[in-house]
Structures are given as structure tokens and as C-alpha cells.
Full PDB file with SEQRES, HELIX, SHEET, SSBOND, CRYST1, ORIGX, SCALE, CONECT and MASTER records, all heavy atoms in Angstrom:
SEQRES   1 A   43  CYS LEU ILE ALA PHE VAL LEU SER ILE VAL LEU LEU PHE          
SEQRES   2 A   43  LEU PHE ARG TYR VAL VAL ALA PHE VAL VAL TRP ILE VAL          
SEQRES   3 A   43  LEU ILE GLY VAL VAL VAL VAL SER VAL PHE GLY THR ILE          
SEQRES   4 A   43  TYR LEU TRP VAL                                              
HELIX    1 AA1 LEU A    2  TYR A   17  1                                  16    
HELIX    2 AA2 VAL A   19  TRP A   42  1                                  24    
CRYST1    1.000    1.000    1.000  90.00  90.00  90.00 P 1           1          
ORIGX1      1.000000  0.000000  0.000000        0.00000                         
ORIGX2      0.000000  1.000000  0.000000        0.00000                         
ORIGX3      0.000000  0.000000  1.000000        0.00000                         
SCALE1      1.000000  0.000000  0.000000        0.00000                         
SCALE2      0.000000  1.000000  0.000000        0.00000                         
SCALE3      0.000000  0.000000  1.000000        0.00000                         
ATOM      1  N   CYS A   1      82.379 -26.992-140.489  1.00  0.00           N  
ATOM      2  CA  CYS A   1      80.988 -27.156-140.679  1.00  0.00           C  
ATOM      3  C   CYS A   1      80.678 -28.140-141.954  1.00  0.00           C  
ATOM      4  O   CYS A   1      79.779 -28.898-141.932  1.00  0.00           O  
ATOM      5  CB  CYS A   1      80.279 -25.751-140.880  1.00  0.00           C  
ATOM      6  SG  CYS A   1      80.256 -24.877-139.374  1.00  0.00           S  
ATOM      7  N   LEU A   2      81.461 -27.723-142.980  1.00  0.00           N  
ATOM      8  CA  LEU A   2      81.287 -28.659-144.266  1.00  0.00           C  
ATOM      9  C   LEU A   2      81.764 -30.056-143.980  1.00  0.00           C  
ATOM     10  O   LEU A   2      81.030 -30.993-144.434  1.00  0.00           O  
ATOM     11  CB  LEU A   2      82.050 -28.070-145.315  1.00  0.00           C  
ATOM     12  CG  LEU A   2      81.667 -26.572-145.885  1.00  0.00           C  
ATOM     13  CD1 LEU A   2      82.636 -26.116-146.940  1.00  0.00           C  
ATOM     14  CD2 LEU A   2      80.209 -26.745-146.428  1.00  0.00           C  
ATOM     15  N   ILE A   3      82.783 -30.253-143.091  1.00  0.00           N  
ATOM     16  CA  ILE A   3      83.278 -31.611-142.771  1.00  0.00           C  
ATOM     17  C   ILE A   3      82.081 -32.219-142.028  1.00  0.00           C  
ATOM     18  O   ILE A   3      81.895 -33.501-142.193  1.00  0.00           O  
ATOM     19  CB  ILE A   3      84.517 -31.549-141.931  1.00  0.00           C  
ATOM     20  CG1 ILE A   3      85.628 -30.996-142.939  1.00  0.00           C  
ATOM     21  CG2 ILE A   3      84.881 -32.817-141.352  1.00  0.00           C  
ATOM     22  CD1 ILE A   3      86.907 -30.819-142.094  1.00  0.00           C  
ATOM     23  N   ALA A   4      81.539 -31.570-140.958  1.00  0.00           N  
ATOM     24  CA  ALA A   4      80.327 -32.206-140.244  1.00  0.00           C  
ATOM     25  C   ALA A   4      79.231 -32.610-141.222  1.00  0.00           C  
ATOM     26  O   ALA A   4      78.685 -33.585-141.106  1.00  0.00           O  
ATOM     27  CB  ALA A   4      79.970 -31.258-139.202  1.00  0.00           C  
ATOM     28  N   PHE A   5      78.854 -31.726-142.080  1.00  0.00           N  
ATOM     29  CA  PHE A   5      77.963 -32.110-143.118  1.00  0.00           C  
ATOM     30  C   PHE A   5      78.149 -33.252-143.959  1.00  0.00           C  
ATOM     31  O   PHE A   5      77.389 -34.233-144.084  1.00  0.00           O  
ATOM     32  CB  PHE A   5      77.652 -30.817-143.954  1.00  0.00           C  
ATOM     33  CG  PHE A   5      76.537 -31.084-145.056  1.00  0.00           C  
ATOM     34  CD1 PHE A   5      75.158 -30.878-144.577  1.00  0.00           C  
ATOM     35  CD2 PHE A   5      76.770 -31.437-146.316  1.00  0.00           C  
ATOM     36  CE1 PHE A   5      74.122 -30.978-145.518  1.00  0.00           C  
ATOM     37  CE2 PHE A   5      75.749 -31.535-147.165  1.00  0.00           C  
ATOM     38  CZ  PHE A   5      74.448 -31.311-146.824  1.00  0.00           C  
ATOM     39  N   VAL A   6      79.467 -33.335-144.459  1.00  0.00           N  
ATOM     40  CA  VAL A   6      79.896 -34.456-145.251  1.00  0.00           C  
ATOM     41  C   VAL A   6      79.874 -35.794-144.358  1.00  0.00           C  
ATOM     42  O   VAL A   6      79.539 -36.880-144.822  1.00  0.00           O  
ATOM     43  CB  VAL A   6      81.275 -34.265-145.756  1.00  0.00           C  
ATOM     44  CG1 VAL A   6      81.830 -35.520-146.491  1.00  0.00           C  
ATOM     45  CG2 VAL A   6      81.199 -33.045-146.832  1.00  0.00           C  
ATOM     46  N   LEU A   7      80.357 -35.561-143.101  1.00  0.00           N  
ATOM     47  CA  LEU A   7      80.330 -36.795-142.249  1.00  0.00           C  
ATOM     48  C   LEU A   7      78.965 -37.355-141.937  1.00  0.00           C  
ATOM     49  O   LEU A   7      78.630 -38.664-141.891  1.00  0.00           O  
ATOM     50  CB  LEU A   7      81.093 -36.455-140.961  1.00  0.00           C  
ATOM     51  CG  LEU A   7      82.559 -36.369-140.925  1.00  0.00           C  
ATOM     52  CD1 LEU A   7      83.090 -35.836-139.679  1.00  0.00           C  
ATOM     53  CD2 LEU A   7      83.293 -37.585-141.376  1.00  0.00           C  
ATOM     54  N   SER A   8      78.034 -36.442-141.861  1.00  0.00           N  
ATOM     55  CA  SER A   8      76.692 -36.898-141.654  1.00  0.00           C  
ATOM     56  C   SER A   8      76.142 -37.608-142.855  1.00  0.00           C  
ATOM     57  O   SER A   8      75.419 -38.651-142.735  1.00  0.00           O  
ATOM     58  CB  SER A   8      75.699 -35.653-141.330  1.00  0.00           C  
ATOM     59  OG  SER A   8      76.120 -35.002-140.218  1.00  0.00           O  
ATOM     60  N   ILE A   9      76.388 -37.253-144.081  1.00  0.00           N  
ATOM     61  CA  ILE A   9      75.999 -37.827-145.273  1.00  0.00           C  
ATOM     62  C   ILE A   9      76.588 -39.204-145.394  1.00  0.00           C  
ATOM     63  O   ILE A   9      76.062 -40.197-145.699  1.00  0.00           O  
ATOM     64  CB  ILE A   9      76.344 -37.063-146.433  1.00  0.00           C  
ATOM     65  CG1 ILE A   9      75.530 -35.594-146.633  1.00  0.00           C  
ATOM     66  CG2 ILE A   9      76.100 -37.754-147.836  1.00  0.00           C  
ATOM     67  CD1 ILE A   9      74.066 -35.805-146.634  1.00  0.00           C  
ATOM     68  N   VAL A  10      78.012 -39.256-145.055  1.00  0.00           N  
ATOM     69  CA  VAL A  10      78.604 -40.513-145.091  1.00  0.00           C  
ATOM     70  C   VAL A  10      78.051 -41.462-144.026  1.00  0.00           C  
ATOM     71  O   VAL A  10      77.947 -42.684-144.286  1.00  0.00           O  
ATOM     72  CB  VAL A  10      80.251 -40.261-144.678  1.00  0.00           C  
ATOM     73  CG1 VAL A  10      80.921 -41.706-144.572  1.00  0.00           C  
ATOM     74  CG2 VAL A  10      80.868 -39.499-145.798  1.00  0.00           C  
ATOM     75  N   LEU A  11      77.701 -41.026-142.887  1.00  0.00           N  
ATOM     76  CA  LEU A  11      77.078 -41.936-141.950  1.00  0.00           C  
ATOM     77  C   LEU A  11      75.767 -42.448-142.434  1.00  0.00           C  
ATOM     78  O   LEU A  11      75.367 -43.610-142.117  1.00  0.00           O  
ATOM     79  CB  LEU A  11      76.737 -41.070-140.625  1.00  0.00           C  
ATOM     80  CG  LEU A  11      76.223 -41.794-139.473  1.00  0.00           C  
ATOM     81  CD1 LEU A  11      77.369 -42.644-138.960  1.00  0.00           C  
ATOM     82  CD2 LEU A  11      76.058 -40.830-138.361  1.00  0.00           C  
ATOM     83  N   LEU A  12      74.952 -41.723-143.244  1.00  0.00           N  
ATOM     84  CA  LEU A  12      73.779 -42.266-143.766  1.00  0.00           C  
ATOM     85  C   LEU A  12      74.037 -43.415-144.738  1.00  0.00           C  
ATOM     86  O   LEU A  12      73.299 -44.449-144.854  1.00  0.00           O  
ATOM     87  CB  LEU A  12      72.915 -41.102-144.444  1.00  0.00           C  
ATOM     88  CG  LEU A  12      72.382 -39.931-143.496  1.00  0.00           C  
ATOM     89  CD1 LEU A  12      71.671 -38.959-144.386  1.00  0.00           C  
ATOM     90  CD2 LEU A  12      71.555 -40.551-142.492  1.00  0.00           C  
ATOM     91  N   PHE A  13      75.131 -43.191-145.554  1.00  0.00           N  
ATOM     92  CA  PHE A  13      75.544 -44.284-146.538  1.00  0.00           C  
ATOM     93  C   PHE A  13      75.973 -45.404-145.643  1.00  0.00           C  
ATOM     94  O   PHE A  13      75.636 -46.752-146.127  1.00  0.00           O  
ATOM     95  CB  PHE A  13      76.628 -43.739-147.385  1.00  0.00           C  
ATOM     96  CG  PHE A  13      76.048 -42.981-148.487  1.00  0.00           C  
ATOM     97  CD1 PHE A  13      76.098 -41.612-148.439  1.00  0.00           C  
ATOM     98  CD2 PHE A  13      75.594 -43.511-149.738  1.00  0.00           C  
ATOM     99  CE1 PHE A  13      75.717 -40.856-149.599  1.00  0.00           C  
ATOM    100  CE2 PHE A  13      75.096 -42.840-150.740  1.00  0.00           C  
ATOM    101  CZ  PHE A  13      75.179 -41.452-150.746  1.00  0.00           C  
ATOM    102  N   LEU A  14      76.638 -45.356-144.556  1.00  0.00           N  
ATOM    103  CA  LEU A  14      77.054 -46.439-143.868  1.00  0.00           C  
ATOM    104  C   LEU A  14      75.916 -47.165-143.063  1.00  0.00           C  
ATOM    105  O   LEU A  14      75.928 -48.365-143.085  1.00  0.00           O  
ATOM    106  CB  LEU A  14      78.082 -46.005-142.675  1.00  0.00           C  
ATOM    107  CG  LEU A  14      79.422 -45.429-143.044  1.00  0.00           C  
ATOM    108  CD1 LEU A  14      80.269 -44.897-141.934  1.00  0.00           C  
ATOM    109  CD2 LEU A  14      80.248 -46.479-143.842  1.00  0.00           C  
ATOM    110  N   PHE A  15      74.887 -46.479-142.730  1.00  0.00           N  
ATOM    111  CA  PHE A  15      73.751 -47.075-142.138  1.00  0.00           C  
ATOM    112  C   PHE A  15      73.006 -47.917-143.262  1.00  0.00           C  
ATOM    113  O   PHE A  15      72.286 -48.887-142.889  1.00  0.00           O  
ATOM    114  CB  PHE A  15      72.824 -45.991-141.568  1.00  0.00           C  
ATOM    115  CG  PHE A  15      73.231 -45.573-140.235  1.00  0.00           C  
ATOM    116  CD1 PHE A  15      72.802 -44.290-139.707  1.00  0.00           C  
ATOM    117  CD2 PHE A  15      74.231 -46.218-139.416  1.00  0.00           C  
ATOM    118  CE1 PHE A  15      73.167 -43.884-138.427  1.00  0.00           C  
ATOM    119  CE2 PHE A  15      74.552 -45.834-138.208  1.00  0.00           C  
ATOM    120  CZ  PHE A  15      74.047 -44.651-137.669  1.00  0.00           C  
ATOM    121  N   ARG A  16      73.118 -47.517-144.505  1.00  0.00           N  
ATOM    122  CA  ARG A  16      72.306 -48.218-145.566  1.00  0.00           C  
ATOM    123  C   ARG A  16      73.131 -49.518-145.980  1.00  0.00           C  
ATOM    124  O   ARG A  16      72.661 -50.535-146.077  1.00  0.00           O  
ATOM    125  CB  ARG A  16      72.093 -47.337-146.742  1.00  0.00           C  
ATOM    126  CG  ARG A  16      71.383 -48.089-147.745  1.00  0.00           C  
ATOM    127  CD  ARG A  16      71.087 -47.272-148.935  1.00  0.00           C  
ATOM    128  NE  ARG A  16      70.433 -48.092-149.993  1.00  0.00           N  
ATOM    129  CZ  ARG A  16      69.990 -47.461-151.269  1.00  0.00           C  
ATOM    130  NH1 ARG A  16      70.199 -46.304-151.541  1.00  0.00           N  
ATOM    131  NH2 ARG A  16      69.400 -48.391-152.169  1.00  0.00           N  
ATOM    132  N   TYR A  17      74.455 -49.481-146.094  1.00  0.00           N  
ATOM    133  CA  TYR A  17      75.181 -50.445-146.791  1.00  0.00           C  
ATOM    134  C   TYR A  17      75.993 -51.439-145.747  1.00  0.00           C  
ATOM    135  O   TYR A  17      76.164 -52.480-146.026  1.00  0.00           O  
ATOM    136  CB  TYR A  17      76.177 -49.964-147.832  1.00  0.00           C  
ATOM    137  CG  TYR A  17      75.429 -49.208-148.868  1.00  0.00           C  
ATOM    138  CD1 TYR A  17      75.458 -47.793-148.978  1.00  0.00           C  
ATOM    139  CD2 TYR A  17      74.831 -49.947-149.806  1.00  0.00           C  
ATOM    140  CE1 TYR A  17      74.821 -47.173-150.144  1.00  0.00           C  
ATOM    141  CE2 TYR A  17      74.035 -49.308-150.908  1.00  0.00           C  
ATOM    142  CZ  TYR A  17      74.139 -47.938-151.108  1.00  0.00           C  
ATOM    143  OH  TYR A  17      73.532 -47.347-152.165  1.00  0.00           O  
ATOM    144  N   VAL A  18      76.489 -50.825-144.644  1.00  0.00           N  
ATOM    145  CA  VAL A  18      77.241 -51.633-143.800  1.00  0.00           C  
ATOM    146  C   VAL A  18      76.654 -51.603-142.260  1.00  0.00           C  
ATOM    147  O   VAL A  18      77.424 -51.692-141.326  1.00  0.00           O  
ATOM    148  CB  VAL A  18      78.685 -51.238-143.690  1.00  0.00           C  
ATOM    149  CG1 VAL A  18      79.408 -51.509-145.100  1.00  0.00           C  
ATOM    150  CG2 VAL A  18      78.856 -49.784-143.287  1.00  0.00           C  
ATOM    151  N   VAL A  19      75.297 -51.366-142.278  1.00  0.00           N  
ATOM    152  CA  VAL A  19      74.777 -51.170-140.946  1.00  0.00           C  
ATOM    153  C   VAL A  19      74.781 -52.504-140.090  1.00  0.00           C  
ATOM    154  O   VAL A  19      74.943 -52.541-138.944  1.00  0.00           O  
ATOM    155  CB  VAL A  19      73.192 -50.810-141.089  1.00  0.00           C  
ATOM    156  CG1 VAL A  19      72.464 -51.855-141.802  1.00  0.00           C  
ATOM    157  CG2 VAL A  19      72.758 -50.475-139.693  1.00  0.00           C  
ATOM    158  N   ALA A  20      74.813 -53.744-140.776  1.00  0.00           N  
ATOM    159  CA  ALA A  20      74.932 -54.950-140.092  1.00  0.00           C  
ATOM    160  C   ALA A  20      76.274 -55.048-139.409  1.00  0.00           C  
ATOM    161  O   ALA A  20      76.250 -55.446-138.156  1.00  0.00           O  
ATOM    162  CB  ALA A  20      74.682 -56.077-141.075  1.00  0.00           C  
ATOM    163  N   PHE A  21      77.329 -54.634-140.034  1.00  0.00           N  
ATOM    164  CA  PHE A  21      78.604 -54.617-139.439  1.00  0.00           C  
ATOM    165  C   PHE A  21      78.728 -53.645-138.255  1.00  0.00           C  
ATOM    166  O   PHE A  21      79.113 -54.050-137.151  1.00  0.00           O  
ATOM    167  CB  PHE A  21      79.626 -54.238-140.422  1.00  0.00           C  
ATOM    168  CG  PHE A  21      80.988 -54.064-139.903  1.00  0.00           C  
ATOM    169  CD1 PHE A  21      81.800 -55.208-139.642  1.00  0.00           C  
ATOM    170  CD2 PHE A  21      81.512 -53.008-139.618  1.00  0.00           C  
ATOM    171  CE1 PHE A  21      83.060 -55.136-139.068  1.00  0.00           C  
ATOM    172  CE2 PHE A  21      82.764 -52.669-139.100  1.00  0.00           C  
ATOM    173  CZ  PHE A  21      83.655 -53.923-138.934  1.00  0.00           C  
ATOM    174  N   VAL A  22      78.166 -52.510-138.404  1.00  0.00           N  
ATOM    175  CA  VAL A  22      78.063 -51.509-137.285  1.00  0.00           C  
ATOM    176  C   VAL A  22      77.188 -52.088-136.051  1.00  0.00           C  
ATOM    177  O   VAL A  22      77.746 -51.991-135.008  1.00  0.00           O  
ATOM    178  CB  VAL A  22      77.528 -50.178-137.862  1.00  0.00           C  
ATOM    179  CG1 VAL A  22      77.418 -49.224-136.702  1.00  0.00           C  
ATOM    180  CG2 VAL A  22      78.337 -49.636-138.971  1.00  0.00           C  
ATOM    181  N   VAL A  23      76.068 -52.617-136.336  1.00  0.00           N  
ATOM    182  CA  VAL A  23      75.228 -53.042-135.287  1.00  0.00           C  
ATOM    183  C   VAL A  23      75.905 -54.160-134.401  1.00  0.00           C  
ATOM    184  O   VAL A  23      75.964 -54.168-133.210  1.00  0.00           O  
ATOM    185  CB  VAL A  23      73.782 -53.408-135.745  1.00  0.00           C  
ATOM    186  CG1 VAL A  23      73.084 -54.041-134.652  1.00  0.00           C  
ATOM    187  CG2 VAL A  23      73.113 -52.217-136.223  1.00  0.00           C  
ATOM    188  N   TRP A  24      76.329 -55.063-135.074  1.00  0.00           N  
ATOM    189  CA  TRP A  24      77.052 -56.250-134.436  1.00  0.00           C  
ATOM    190  C   TRP A  24      78.264 -55.866-133.869  1.00  0.00           C  
ATOM    191  O   TRP A  24      78.631 -56.516-132.795  1.00  0.00           O  
ATOM    192  CB  TRP A  24      77.056 -57.487-135.528  1.00  0.00           C  
ATOM    193  CG  TRP A  24      75.881 -58.118-135.835  1.00  0.00           C  
ATOM    194  CD1 TRP A  24      75.059 -58.156-136.975  1.00  0.00           C  
ATOM    195  CD2 TRP A  24      74.944 -58.896-134.873  1.00  0.00           C  
ATOM    196  NE1 TRP A  24      73.988 -58.847-136.781  1.00  0.00           N  
ATOM    197  CE2 TRP A  24      73.863 -59.229-135.651  1.00  0.00           C  
ATOM    198  CE3 TRP A  24      75.054 -59.345-133.412  1.00  0.00           C  
ATOM    199  CZ2 TRP A  24      72.954 -59.978-135.019  1.00  0.00           C  
ATOM    200  CZ3 TRP A  24      74.231 -60.004-132.924  1.00  0.00           C  
ATOM    201  CH2 TRP A  24      73.004 -60.472-133.723  1.00  0.00           C  
ATOM    202  N   ILE A  25      79.083 -55.063-134.369  1.00  0.00           N  
ATOM    203  CA  ILE A  25      80.242 -54.598-133.679  1.00  0.00           C  
ATOM    204  C   ILE A  25      79.869 -53.806-132.455  1.00  0.00           C  
ATOM    205  O   ILE A  25      80.548 -54.120-131.287  1.00  0.00           O  
ATOM    206  CB  ILE A  25      81.102 -53.564-134.532  1.00  0.00           C  
ATOM    207  CG1 ILE A  25      81.715 -54.546-135.709  1.00  0.00           C  
ATOM    208  CG2 ILE A  25      82.081 -52.843-133.778  1.00  0.00           C  
ATOM    209  CD1 ILE A  25      82.863 -55.349-135.226  1.00  0.00           C  
ATOM    210  N   VAL A  26      78.841 -53.023-132.314  1.00  0.00           N  
ATOM    211  CA  VAL A  26      78.361 -52.320-131.137  1.00  0.00           C  
ATOM    212  C   VAL A  26      77.989 -53.393-130.143  1.00  0.00           C  
ATOM    213  O   VAL A  26      78.440 -53.446-128.927  1.00  0.00           O  
ATOM    214  CB  VAL A  26      77.257 -51.471-131.516  1.00  0.00           C  
ATOM    215  CG1 VAL A  26      76.550 -50.842-130.284  1.00  0.00           C  
ATOM    216  CG2 VAL A  26      77.870 -50.224-132.313  1.00  0.00           C  
ATOM    217  N   LEU A  27      77.150 -54.336-130.557  1.00  0.00           N  
ATOM    218  CA  LEU A  27      76.563 -55.289-129.610  1.00  0.00           C  
ATOM    219  C   LEU A  27      77.754 -56.172-129.068  1.00  0.00           C  
ATOM    220  O   LEU A  27      77.799 -56.463-127.863  1.00  0.00           O  
ATOM    221  CB  LEU A  27      75.582 -56.216-130.267  1.00  0.00           C  
ATOM    222  CG  LEU A  27      74.277 -55.495-130.598  1.00  0.00           C  
ATOM    223  CD1 LEU A  27      73.402 -56.400-131.330  1.00  0.00           C  
ATOM    224  CD2 LEU A  27      73.554 -55.005-129.485  1.00  0.00           C  
ATOM    225  N   ILE A  28      78.577 -56.753-129.926  1.00  0.00           N  
ATOM    226  CA  ILE A  28      79.758 -57.579-129.452  1.00  0.00           C  
ATOM    227  C   ILE A  28      80.578 -56.667-128.502  1.00  0.00           C  
ATOM    228  O   ILE A  28      81.073 -57.196-127.444  1.00  0.00           O  
ATOM    229  CB  ILE A  28      80.589 -58.096-130.641  1.00  0.00           C  
ATOM    230  CG1 ILE A  28      79.660 -59.042-131.457  1.00  0.00           C  
ATOM    231  CG2 ILE A  28      81.801 -58.699-130.165  1.00  0.00           C  
ATOM    232  CD1 ILE A  28      80.350 -59.536-132.702  1.00  0.00           C  
ATOM    233  N   GLY A  29      80.805 -55.417-128.884  1.00  0.00           N  
ATOM    234  CA  GLY A  29      81.700 -54.557-127.965  1.00  0.00           C  
ATOM    235  C   GLY A  29      80.956 -54.370-126.623  1.00  0.00           C  
ATOM    236  O   GLY A  29      81.721 -54.500-125.666  1.00  0.00           O  
ATOM    237  N   VAL A  30      79.714 -54.185-126.599  1.00  0.00           N  
ATOM    238  CA  VAL A  30      79.027 -54.118-125.281  1.00  0.00           C  
ATOM    239  C   VAL A  30      79.123 -55.315-124.394  1.00  0.00           C  
ATOM    240  O   VAL A  30      79.523 -55.305-123.306  1.00  0.00           O  
ATOM    241  CB  VAL A  30      77.459 -53.883-125.461  1.00  0.00           C  
ATOM    242  CG1 VAL A  30      76.705 -53.847-124.192  1.00  0.00           C  
ATOM    243  CG2 VAL A  30      77.454 -52.364-125.995  1.00  0.00           C  
ATOM    244  N   VAL A  31      78.937 -56.486-125.067  1.00  0.00           N  
ATOM    245  CA  VAL A  31      79.112 -57.762-124.339  1.00  0.00           C  
ATOM    246  C   VAL A  31      80.554 -57.977-123.858  1.00  0.00           C  
ATOM    247  O   VAL A  31      80.817 -58.381-122.712  1.00  0.00           O  
ATOM    248  CB  VAL A  31      78.709 -58.994-125.496  1.00  0.00           C  
ATOM    249  CG1 VAL A  31      79.072 -60.337-124.669  1.00  0.00           C  
ATOM    250  CG2 VAL A  31      77.235 -58.915-125.544  1.00  0.00           C  
ATOM    251  N   VAL A  32      81.532 -57.707-124.747  1.00  0.00           N  
ATOM    252  CA  VAL A  32      82.973 -57.839-124.404  1.00  0.00           C  
ATOM    253  C   VAL A  32      83.265 -56.921-123.150  1.00  0.00           C  
ATOM    254  O   VAL A  32      83.880 -57.367-122.083  1.00  0.00           O  
ATOM    255  CB  VAL A  32      83.816 -57.562-125.453  1.00  0.00           C  
ATOM    256  CG1 VAL A  32      85.336 -57.536-125.095  1.00  0.00           C  
ATOM    257  CG2 VAL A  32      83.690 -58.697-126.449  1.00  0.00           C  
ATOM    258  N   VAL A  33      82.855 -55.725-123.244  1.00  0.00           N  
ATOM    259  CA  VAL A  33      83.122 -54.766-122.175  1.00  0.00           C  
ATOM    260  C   VAL A  33      82.477 -55.164-120.821  1.00  0.00           C  
ATOM    261  O   VAL A  33      83.036 -55.195-119.667  1.00  0.00           O  
ATOM    262  CB  VAL A  33      82.797 -53.285-122.475  1.00  0.00           C  
ATOM    263  CG1 VAL A  33      82.715 -52.351-121.275  1.00  0.00           C  
ATOM    264  CG2 VAL A  33      83.526 -52.788-123.726  1.00  0.00           C  
ATOM    265  N   SER A  34      81.195 -55.701-121.037  1.00  0.00           N  
ATOM    266  CA  SER A  34      80.438 -56.161-119.782  1.00  0.00           C  
ATOM    267  C   SER A  34      81.191 -57.363-119.078  1.00  0.00           C  
ATOM    268  O   SER A  34      81.370 -57.436-117.977  1.00  0.00           O  
ATOM    269  CB  SER A  34      79.052 -56.589-120.077  1.00  0.00           C  
ATOM    270  OG  SER A  34      78.487 -55.419-120.584  1.00  0.00           O  
ATOM    271  N   VAL A  35      81.665 -58.361-119.883  1.00  0.00           N  
ATOM    272  CA  VAL A  35      82.322 -59.619-119.496  1.00  0.00           C  
ATOM    273  C   VAL A  35      83.617 -59.128-118.801  1.00  0.00           C  
ATOM    274  O   VAL A  35      83.944 -59.564-117.644  1.00  0.00           O  
ATOM    275  CB  VAL A  35      82.524 -60.489-120.627  1.00  0.00           C  
ATOM    276  CG1 VAL A  35      83.522 -61.679-120.102  1.00  0.00           C  
ATOM    277  CG2 VAL A  35      81.338 -61.085-121.147  1.00  0.00           C  
ATOM    278  N   PHE A  36      84.476 -58.326-119.462  1.00  0.00           N  
ATOM    279  CA  PHE A  36      85.753 -57.918-118.733  1.00  0.00           C  
ATOM    280  C   PHE A  36      85.496 -57.111-117.603  1.00  0.00           C  
ATOM    281  O   PHE A  36      86.318 -57.247-116.693  1.00  0.00           O  
ATOM    282  CB  PHE A  36      86.635 -57.196-119.854  1.00  0.00           C  
ATOM    283  CG  PHE A  36      87.401 -58.197-120.741  1.00  0.00           C  
ATOM    284  CD1 PHE A  36      86.854 -58.436-122.182  1.00  0.00           C  
ATOM    285  CD2 PHE A  36      88.594 -58.771-120.348  1.00  0.00           C  
ATOM    286  CE1 PHE A  36      87.545 -59.296-122.843  1.00  0.00           C  
ATOM    287  CE2 PHE A  36      89.265 -59.639-121.251  1.00  0.00           C  
ATOM    288  CZ  PHE A  36      88.803 -59.958-122.412  1.00  0.00           C  
ATOM    289  N   GLY A  37      84.501 -56.194-117.665  1.00  0.00           N  
ATOM    290  CA  GLY A  37      84.248 -55.446-116.391  1.00  0.00           C  
ATOM    291  C   GLY A  37      83.890 -56.314-115.342  1.00  0.00           C  
ATOM    292  O   GLY A  37      84.312 -56.119-114.110  1.00  0.00           O  
ATOM    293  N   THR A  38      83.070 -57.268-115.566  1.00  0.00           N  
ATOM    294  CA  THR A  38      82.577 -58.296-114.486  1.00  0.00           C  
ATOM    295  C   THR A  38      83.800 -59.124-113.916  1.00  0.00           C  
ATOM    296  O   THR A  38      84.040 -59.200-112.591  1.00  0.00           O  
ATOM    297  CB  THR A  38      81.562 -59.160-114.957  1.00  0.00           C  
ATOM    298  OG1 THR A  38      80.501 -58.400-115.436  1.00  0.00           O  
ATOM    299  CG2 THR A  38      81.037 -60.083-113.918  1.00  0.00           C  
ATOM    300  N   ILE A  39      84.697 -59.540-114.805  1.00  0.00           N  
ATOM    301  CA  ILE A  39      85.981 -60.228-114.415  1.00  0.00           C  
ATOM    302  C   ILE A  39      86.816 -59.424-113.501  1.00  0.00           C  
ATOM    303  O   ILE A  39      87.371 -59.767-112.487  1.00  0.00           O  
ATOM    304  CB  ILE A  39      86.591 -60.761-115.453  1.00  0.00           C  
ATOM    305  CG1 ILE A  39      85.793 -61.940-116.370  1.00  0.00           C  
ATOM    306  CG2 ILE A  39      88.007 -61.411-115.189  1.00  0.00           C  
ATOM    307  CD1 ILE A  39      86.343 -62.487-117.649  1.00  0.00           C  
ATOM    308  N   TYR A  40      87.015 -58.087-113.904  1.00  0.00           N  
ATOM    309  CA  TYR A  40      87.865 -57.155-113.199  1.00  0.00           C  
ATOM    310  C   TYR A  40      87.223 -56.971-111.803  1.00  0.00           C  
ATOM    311  O   TYR A  40      88.033 -56.922-110.747  1.00  0.00           O  
ATOM    312  CB  TYR A  40      87.927 -55.935-113.949  1.00  0.00           C  
ATOM    313  CG  TYR A  40      88.599 -54.740-113.168  1.00  0.00           C  
ATOM    314  CD1 TYR A  40      89.936 -54.733-112.933  1.00  0.00           C  
ATOM    315  CD2 TYR A  40      87.790 -53.735-112.380  1.00  0.00           C  
ATOM    316  CE1 TYR A  40      90.517 -53.821-112.230  1.00  0.00           C  
ATOM    317  CE2 TYR A  40      88.465 -52.783-111.657  1.00  0.00           C  
ATOM    318  CZ  TYR A  40      89.792 -52.734-111.621  1.00  0.00           C  
ATOM    319  OH  TYR A  40      90.371 -51.861-110.967  1.00  0.00           O  
ATOM    320  N   LEU A  41      86.010 -56.802-111.627  1.00  0.00           N  
ATOM    321  CA  LEU A  41      85.291 -56.563-110.250  1.00  0.00           C  
ATOM    322  C   LEU A  41      85.490 -57.735-109.407  1.00  0.00           C  
ATOM    323  O   LEU A  41      85.888 -57.525-108.148  1.00  0.00           O  
ATOM    324  CB  LEU A  41      83.828 -56.212-110.468  1.00  0.00           C  
ATOM    325  CG  LEU A  41      83.603 -54.962-111.123  1.00  0.00           C  
ATOM    326  CD1 LEU A  41      82.011 -54.722-111.349  1.00  0.00           C  
ATOM    327  CD2 LEU A  41      84.007 -53.751-110.149  1.00  0.00           C  
ATOM    328  N   TRP A  42      85.378 -58.998-110.039  1.00  0.00           N  
ATOM    329  CA  TRP A  42      85.626 -60.164-109.130  1.00  0.00           C  
ATOM    330  C   TRP A  42      86.977 -60.271-108.731  1.00  0.00           C  
ATOM    331  O   TRP A  42      87.286 -60.759-107.541  1.00  0.00           O  
ATOM    332  CB  TRP A  42      85.101 -61.310-109.940  1.00  0.00           C  
ATOM    333  CG  TRP A  42      83.574 -61.612-109.905  1.00  0.00           C  
ATOM    334  CD1 TRP A  42      82.718 -61.437-110.864  1.00  0.00           C  
ATOM    335  CD2 TRP A  42      82.814 -61.959-108.707  1.00  0.00           C  
ATOM    336  NE1 TRP A  42      81.454 -61.768-110.451  1.00  0.00           N  
ATOM    337  CE2 TRP A  42      81.420 -61.986-109.160  1.00  0.00           C  
ATOM    338  CE3 TRP A  42      83.091 -62.178-107.437  1.00  0.00           C  
ATOM    339  CZ2 TRP A  42      80.389 -62.299-108.292  1.00  0.00           C  
ATOM    340  CZ3 TRP A  42      82.002 -62.443-106.486  1.00  0.00           C  
ATOM    341  CH2 TRP A  42      80.727 -62.517-106.890  1.00  0.00           C  
ATOM    342  N   VAL A  43      88.010 -60.057-109.654  1.00  0.00           N  
ATOM    343  CA  VAL A  43      89.244 -60.199-109.266  1.00  0.00           C  
ATOM    344  C   VAL A  43      89.653 -59.164-108.250  1.00  0.00           C  
ATOM    345  O   VAL A  43      90.413 -59.373-107.320  1.00  0.00           O  
ATOM    346  CB  VAL A  43      90.220 -60.074-110.570  1.00  0.00           C  
ATOM    347  CG1 VAL A  43      91.754 -59.744-110.171  1.00  0.00           C  
ATOM    348  CG2 VAL A  43      89.973 -61.105-111.498  1.00  0.00           C  
TER     349      VAL A  43                                                      
MASTER        0    0    0    2    0    0    0    6  348    1    0    4          
END                                                                             
């Protein structure tokens, strides 16, 4: 429970200082997964 509390606090710090990295990694990951999934279906 304490670990979950600490992780939530750490997450807030990440959202403030490295949120750009997190957001763009998520978006790029979604695009990459979509592209590879589409290629796999066609193959």
C-alpha cells in the first residue's frame, strides 16, 4: 500500500517534468502498433 502511494506521487512528478516524453512515446507506440498490425493482417 505504501509502495502504491509512493508510485502515485512519482507519477505526478513524471506528469509535470517528463510528460512530453510520456505523451509522445504513447502516441508513437499507438501509431507503430497500428502500422505493424495492419501489415500483419495484409500479409
